[in-house]
Amino acid sequence: MPLLIVILLIHCLVICFILAAIINGHNLNRFEEKIRALFIKPNSEEEVPDELYDEAYEIVMDLGKALEIDNDMTKHDAVQMALKRVEGFRDDSKDYSLNPQEHSPQKAKLKVIK
């Protein structure tokens, strides 16, 4: 009986970890997005604020400056700082889904020439 209780608690813990990963995840598939929508109201219809675009621009420019540095240790530290900023940016921007317009390329029409 105690073994059954322990197994049930472990299963509940695993399910909680899976739900936490889905709620905080990026690049979710359709099924995971439906599960996330049950817990968090998706605001994908909202306009992406300009602050996010500005922050992304600043991160890219700082990364470019970091890569131009000649000293390898300083370059490493600057790239690590940029990586930390990118991680924070991803956490801030995960609520906005950027769905680029999908363009269907036309099939190439080939002729057989004899």
N, C-alpha and C. Protein backbone atom coordinates (compact mmCIF):
# COMPACT_ATOMS: atom_id res chain seq x y z
N MET A 1 0.81 -1.20 0.00
CA MET A 1 0.00 0.00 0.00
C MET A 1 0.86 1.27 0.00
N PRO A 2 1.90 1.35 0.86
CA PRO A 2 2.73 2.55 0.81
C PRO A 2 3.45 2.72 -0.53
N LEU A 3 3.79 1.59 -1.17
CA LEU A 3 4.44 1.67 -2.47
C LEU A 3 3.49 2.28 -3.51
N LEU A 4 2.23 1.93 -3.44
CA LEU A 4 1.24 2.48 -4.36
C LEU A 4 1.10 4.00 -4.17
N ILE A 5 1.11 4.44 -2.95
CA ILE A 5 1.01 5.88 -2.66
C ILE A 5 2.24 6.61 -3.19
N VAL A 6 3.40 6.02 -3.01
CA VAL A 6 4.64 6.64 -3.50
C VAL A 6 4.62 6.73 -5.02
N ILE A 7 4.17 5.68 -5.68
CA ILE A 7 4.10 5.68 -7.14
C ILE A 7 3.12 6.75 -7.63
N LEU A 8 1.98 6.87 -6.98
CA LEU A 8 1.00 7.90 -7.36
C LEU A 8 1.56 9.31 -7.16
N LEU A 9 2.28 9.52 -6.07
CA LEU A 9 2.89 10.83 -5.83
C LEU A 9 3.96 11.15 -6.88
N ILE A 10 4.72 10.14 -7.27
CA ILE A 10 5.74 10.36 -8.31
C ILE A 10 5.08 10.70 -9.63
N HIS A 11 3.99 10.01 -9.97
CA HIS A 11 3.26 10.32 -11.21
C HIS A 11 2.70 11.74 -11.18
N CYS A 12 2.15 12.15 -10.05
CA CYS A 12 1.64 13.52 -9.93
C CYS A 12 2.76 14.54 -10.09
N LEU A 13 3.92 14.24 -9.52
CA LEU A 13 5.06 15.13 -9.63
C LEU A 13 5.54 15.24 -11.07
N VAL A 14 5.56 14.13 -11.79
CA VAL A 14 5.97 14.13 -13.20
C VAL A 14 4.98 14.94 -14.03
N ILE A 15 3.71 14.78 -13.78
CA ILE A 15 2.69 15.54 -14.52
C ILE A 15 2.84 17.04 -14.24
N CYS A 16 3.14 17.40 -13.00
CA CYS A 16 3.35 18.82 -12.67
C CYS A 16 4.56 19.38 -13.41
N PHE A 17 5.65 18.60 -13.49
CA PHE A 17 6.83 19.05 -14.23
C PHE A 17 6.52 19.22 -15.71
N ILE A 18 5.76 18.30 -16.28
CA ILE A 18 5.41 18.40 -17.69
C ILE A 18 4.56 19.63 -17.95
N LEU A 19 3.57 19.88 -17.09
CA LEU A 19 2.73 21.07 -17.26
C LEU A 19 3.53 22.36 -17.10
N ALA A 20 4.47 22.38 -16.15
CA ALA A 20 5.31 23.56 -15.98
C ALA A 20 6.18 23.80 -17.21
N ALA A 21 6.69 22.73 -17.79
CA ALA A 21 7.51 22.88 -19.01
C ALA A 21 6.68 23.38 -20.17
N ILE A 22 5.45 22.92 -20.27
CA ILE A 22 4.58 23.37 -21.37
C ILE A 22 4.19 24.83 -21.17
N ILE A 23 3.86 25.21 -19.95
CA ILE A 23 3.43 26.59 -19.69
C ILE A 23 4.58 27.57 -19.93
N ASN A 24 5.79 27.20 -19.56
CA ASN A 24 6.93 28.11 -19.71
C ASN A 24 7.72 27.86 -20.98
N GLY A 25 7.24 27.01 -21.87
CA GLY A 25 8.01 26.59 -23.03
C GLY A 25 7.94 27.55 -24.21
N HIS A 26 8.86 27.34 -25.14
CA HIS A 26 8.93 28.07 -26.40
C HIS A 26 8.76 27.09 -27.54
N ASN A 27 8.36 27.58 -28.68
CA ASN A 27 8.21 26.77 -29.90
C ASN A 27 7.35 25.53 -29.63
N LEU A 28 6.18 25.75 -29.12
CA LEU A 28 5.28 24.65 -28.78
C LEU A 28 4.54 24.16 -30.02
N ASN A 29 4.23 22.88 -30.02
CA ASN A 29 3.42 22.37 -31.13
C ASN A 29 1.95 22.64 -30.83
N ARG A 30 1.08 22.25 -31.72
CA ARG A 30 -0.34 22.61 -31.61
C ARG A 30 -0.97 22.03 -30.34
N PHE A 31 -0.67 20.78 -30.02
CA PHE A 31 -1.24 20.14 -28.83
C PHE A 31 -0.78 20.85 -27.55
N GLU A 32 0.52 21.18 -27.49
CA GLU A 32 1.04 21.87 -26.32
C GLU A 32 0.45 23.27 -26.19
N GLU A 33 0.20 23.94 -27.32
CA GLU A 33 -0.42 25.26 -27.27
C GLU A 33 -1.85 25.18 -26.73
N LYS A 34 -2.57 24.13 -27.07
CA LYS A 34 -3.93 23.96 -26.54
C LYS A 34 -3.90 23.74 -25.04
N ILE A 35 -2.93 22.95 -24.57
CA ILE A 35 -2.80 22.73 -23.13
C ILE A 35 -2.43 24.03 -22.43
N ARG A 36 -1.51 24.79 -23.02
CA ARG A 36 -1.11 26.06 -22.42
C ARG A 36 -2.27 27.03 -22.38
N ALA A 37 -3.13 27.01 -23.41
CA ALA A 37 -4.27 27.91 -23.46
C ALA A 37 -5.27 27.62 -22.34
N LEU A 38 -5.29 26.39 -21.83
CA LEU A 38 -6.17 26.07 -20.71
C LEU A 38 -5.74 26.80 -19.44
N PHE A 39 -4.43 27.00 -19.28
CA PHE A 39 -3.92 27.60 -18.05
C PHE A 39 -3.63 29.09 -18.19
N ILE A 40 -3.19 29.50 -19.36
CA ILE A 40 -2.82 30.89 -19.59
C ILE A 40 -3.58 31.41 -20.79
N LYS A 41 -4.17 32.57 -20.63
CA LYS A 41 -4.89 33.17 -21.76
C LYS A 41 -3.87 33.65 -22.79
N PRO A 42 -3.90 33.09 -23.98
CA PRO A 42 -2.93 33.53 -24.99
C PRO A 42 -3.28 34.92 -25.51
N ASN A 43 -2.26 35.75 -25.65
CA ASN A 43 -2.50 37.09 -26.17
C ASN A 43 -1.77 37.26 -27.49
N SER A 44 -1.89 36.26 -28.33
CA SER A 44 -1.19 36.30 -29.62
C SER A 44 -1.84 37.30 -30.57
N GLU A 45 -3.08 37.72 -30.29
CA GLU A 45 -3.74 38.67 -31.16
C GLU A 45 -3.24 40.09 -30.92
N GLU A 46 -2.59 40.31 -29.78
CA GLU A 46 -2.14 41.65 -29.44
C GLU A 46 -0.95 42.04 -30.31
N GLU A 47 -0.80 43.31 -30.47
CA GLU A 47 0.33 43.86 -31.22
C GLU A 47 1.59 43.74 -30.35
N VAL A 48 2.69 43.37 -30.97
CA VAL A 48 3.96 43.26 -30.25
C VAL A 48 4.42 44.68 -29.93
N PRO A 49 4.72 44.96 -28.65
CA PRO A 49 5.10 46.33 -28.29
C PRO A 49 6.45 46.73 -28.91
N ASP A 50 6.59 48.02 -29.15
CA ASP A 50 7.82 48.53 -29.74
C ASP A 50 9.02 48.35 -28.82
N GLU A 51 8.77 48.26 -27.52
CA GLU A 51 9.87 48.08 -26.58
C GLU A 51 10.60 46.77 -26.83
N LEU A 52 9.85 45.74 -27.24
CA LEU A 52 10.50 44.46 -27.53
C LEU A 52 11.38 44.57 -28.77
N TYR A 53 10.91 45.28 -29.79
CA TYR A 53 11.73 45.47 -30.98
C TYR A 53 12.99 46.28 -30.64
N ASP A 54 12.82 47.31 -29.81
CA ASP A 54 13.97 48.13 -29.43
C ASP A 54 14.98 47.32 -28.62
N GLU A 55 14.47 46.50 -27.71
CA GLU A 55 15.37 45.68 -26.89
C GLU A 55 16.11 44.66 -27.75
N ALA A 56 15.42 44.05 -28.71
CA ALA A 56 16.07 43.09 -29.60
C ALA A 56 17.14 43.79 -30.43
N TYR A 57 16.87 44.99 -30.89
CA TYR A 57 17.85 45.74 -31.67
C TYR A 57 19.09 46.04 -30.82
N GLU A 58 18.87 46.46 -29.58
CA GLU A 58 19.99 46.76 -28.69
C GLU A 58 20.83 45.52 -28.42
N ILE A 59 20.18 44.39 -28.23
CA ILE A 59 20.91 43.14 -27.97
C ILE A 59 21.78 42.79 -29.17
N VAL A 60 21.22 42.89 -30.36
CA VAL A 60 21.99 42.55 -31.57
C VAL A 60 23.15 43.51 -31.76
N MET A 61 22.94 44.79 -31.52
CA MET A 61 24.02 45.77 -31.68
C MET A 61 25.12 45.53 -30.64
N ASP A 62 24.74 45.23 -29.40
CA ASP A 62 25.74 44.93 -28.37
C ASP A 62 26.51 43.65 -28.69
N LEU A 63 25.83 42.68 -29.26
CA LEU A 63 26.51 41.45 -29.65
C LEU A 63 27.49 41.72 -30.79
N GLY A 64 27.12 42.57 -31.72
CA GLY A 64 28.04 42.94 -32.80
C GLY A 64 29.27 43.64 -32.26
N LYS A 65 29.09 44.55 -31.30
CA LYS A 65 30.24 45.22 -30.68
C LYS A 65 31.11 44.22 -29.93
N ALA A 66 30.47 43.25 -29.28
CA ALA A 66 31.22 42.25 -28.52
C ALA A 66 32.07 41.39 -29.44
N LEU A 67 31.55 41.07 -30.61
CA LEU A 67 32.30 40.21 -31.52
C LEU A 67 33.45 40.95 -32.20
N GLU A 68 33.44 42.27 -32.18
CA GLU A 68 34.54 43.05 -32.76
C GLU A 68 35.72 43.20 -31.81
N ILE A 69 35.56 42.84 -30.54
CA ILE A 69 36.63 43.00 -29.55
C ILE A 69 37.76 42.03 -29.87
N ASP A 70 39.01 42.51 -29.71
CA ASP A 70 40.17 41.68 -30.02
C ASP A 70 40.53 40.74 -28.87
N ASN A 71 40.37 41.18 -27.64
CA ASN A 71 40.73 40.36 -26.49
C ASN A 71 39.71 39.24 -26.33
N ASP A 72 40.19 38.00 -26.30
CA ASP A 72 39.28 36.85 -26.26
C ASP A 72 38.51 36.76 -24.95
N MET A 73 39.15 37.07 -23.83
CA MET A 73 38.46 36.98 -22.54
C MET A 73 37.36 38.03 -22.45
N THR A 74 37.65 39.22 -22.90
CA THR A 74 36.64 40.28 -22.88
C THR A 74 35.51 39.95 -23.84
N LYS A 75 35.87 39.38 -24.99
CA LYS A 75 34.86 38.98 -25.97
C LYS A 75 33.95 37.90 -25.37
N HIS A 76 34.56 36.94 -24.67
CA HIS A 76 33.78 35.86 -24.05
C HIS A 76 32.80 36.42 -23.03
N ASP A 77 33.29 37.33 -22.18
CA ASP A 77 32.42 37.92 -21.16
C ASP A 77 31.27 38.71 -21.79
N ALA A 78 31.58 39.46 -22.85
CA ALA A 78 30.54 40.26 -23.50
C ALA A 78 29.50 39.37 -24.18
N VAL A 79 29.94 38.28 -24.78
CA VAL A 79 28.99 37.36 -25.41
C VAL A 79 28.13 36.67 -24.36
N GLN A 80 28.72 36.33 -23.22
CA GLN A 80 27.94 35.73 -22.13
C GLN A 80 26.88 36.70 -21.61
N MET A 81 27.23 37.98 -21.50
CA MET A 81 26.25 38.98 -21.08
C MET A 81 25.12 39.11 -22.11
N ALA A 82 25.49 39.06 -23.38
CA ALA A 82 24.46 39.13 -24.43
C ALA A 82 23.55 37.91 -24.36
N LEU A 83 24.13 36.75 -24.08
CA LEU A 83 23.32 35.53 -23.96
C LEU A 83 22.33 35.64 -22.81
N LYS A 84 22.76 36.19 -21.69
CA LYS A 84 21.84 36.38 -20.56
C LYS A 84 20.72 37.35 -20.93
N ARG A 85 21.05 38.39 -21.68
CA ARG A 85 20.02 39.34 -22.11
C ARG A 85 19.04 38.67 -23.07
N VAL A 86 19.56 37.79 -23.94
CA VAL A 86 18.69 37.09 -24.88
C VAL A 86 17.74 36.16 -24.13
N GLU A 87 18.24 35.48 -23.11
CA GLU A 87 17.37 34.60 -22.32
C GLU A 87 16.26 35.40 -21.65
N GLY A 88 16.59 36.55 -21.12
CA GLY A 88 15.57 37.41 -20.52
C GLY A 88 14.58 37.92 -21.56
N PHE A 89 15.08 38.24 -22.75
CA PHE A 89 14.21 38.70 -23.82
C PHE A 89 13.25 37.61 -24.25
N ARG A 90 13.73 36.37 -24.34
CA ARG A 90 12.85 35.26 -24.72
C ARG A 90 11.75 35.07 -23.68
N ASP A 91 12.10 35.22 -22.41
CA ASP A 91 11.08 35.09 -21.37
C ASP A 91 10.03 36.20 -21.48
N ASP A 92 10.47 37.40 -21.83
CA ASP A 92 9.54 38.52 -21.96
C ASP A 92 8.66 38.40 -23.20
N SER A 93 9.20 37.81 -24.26
CA SER A 93 8.48 37.81 -25.54
C SER A 93 7.78 36.50 -25.85
N LYS A 94 7.78 35.55 -24.95
CA LYS A 94 7.17 34.26 -25.28
C LYS A 94 5.64 34.33 -25.34
N ASP A 95 5.07 35.37 -24.76
CA ASP A 95 3.62 35.50 -24.80
C ASP A 95 3.12 36.02 -26.14
N TYR A 96 4.01 36.56 -26.95
CA TYR A 96 3.64 37.08 -28.26
C TYR A 96 4.11 36.09 -29.31
N SER A 97 3.17 35.56 -30.06
CA SER A 97 3.57 34.62 -31.11
C SER A 97 3.74 35.38 -32.41
N LEU A 98 4.91 35.27 -32.96
CA LEU A 98 5.18 35.92 -34.24
C LEU A 98 4.97 34.89 -35.32
N ASN A 99 3.85 34.97 -35.98
CA ASN A 99 3.54 34.03 -37.05
C ASN A 99 3.76 34.72 -38.38
N PRO A 100 4.91 34.47 -38.99
CA PRO A 100 5.13 35.10 -40.29
C PRO A 100 4.15 34.55 -41.31
N GLN A 101 3.84 35.37 -42.27
CA GLN A 101 2.90 34.93 -43.30
C GLN A 101 3.55 33.82 -44.11
N GLU A 102 2.84 32.74 -44.19
CA GLU A 102 3.37 31.60 -44.93
C GLU A 102 3.06 31.80 -46.40
N HIS A 103 4.09 31.78 -47.19
CA HIS A 103 3.90 31.89 -48.63
C HIS A 103 4.16 30.53 -49.24
N SER A 104 3.24 30.11 -50.06
CA SER A 104 3.40 28.81 -50.70
C SER A 104 4.08 29.01 -52.05
N PRO A 105 5.29 28.51 -52.16
CA PRO A 105 5.98 28.69 -53.44
C PRO A 105 5.29 27.88 -54.53
N GLN A 106 5.21 28.47 -55.69
CA GLN A 106 4.57 27.77 -56.79
C GLN A 106 5.49 26.65 -57.27
N LYS A 107 4.86 25.58 -57.64
CA LYS A 107 5.65 24.45 -58.12
C LYS A 107 6.30 24.82 -59.45
N ALA A 108 7.51 24.36 -59.60
CA ALA A 108 8.23 24.63 -60.84
C ALA A 108 7.64 23.79 -61.96
N LYS A 109 7.44 24.43 -63.07
CA LYS A 109 6.90 23.72 -64.23
C LYS A 109 8.07 23.37 -65.15
N LEU A 110 8.33 22.11 -65.26
CA LEU A 110 9.44 21.65 -66.08
C LEU A 110 8.91 21.05 -67.37
N LYS A 111 9.61 21.33 -68.43
CA LYS A 111 9.25 20.75 -69.72
C LYS A 111 10.28 19.69 -70.08
N VAL A 112 9.81 18.68 -70.71
CA VAL A 112 10.72 17.65 -71.21
C VAL A 112 11.11 18.04 -72.63
N ILE A 113 12.40 18.22 -72.82
CA ILE A 113 12.90 18.59 -74.14
C ILE A 113 13.65 17.40 -74.71
N LYS A 114 13.27 17.01 -75.92
CA LYS A 114 13.92 15.86 -76.55
C LYS A 114 14.76 16.30 -77.71
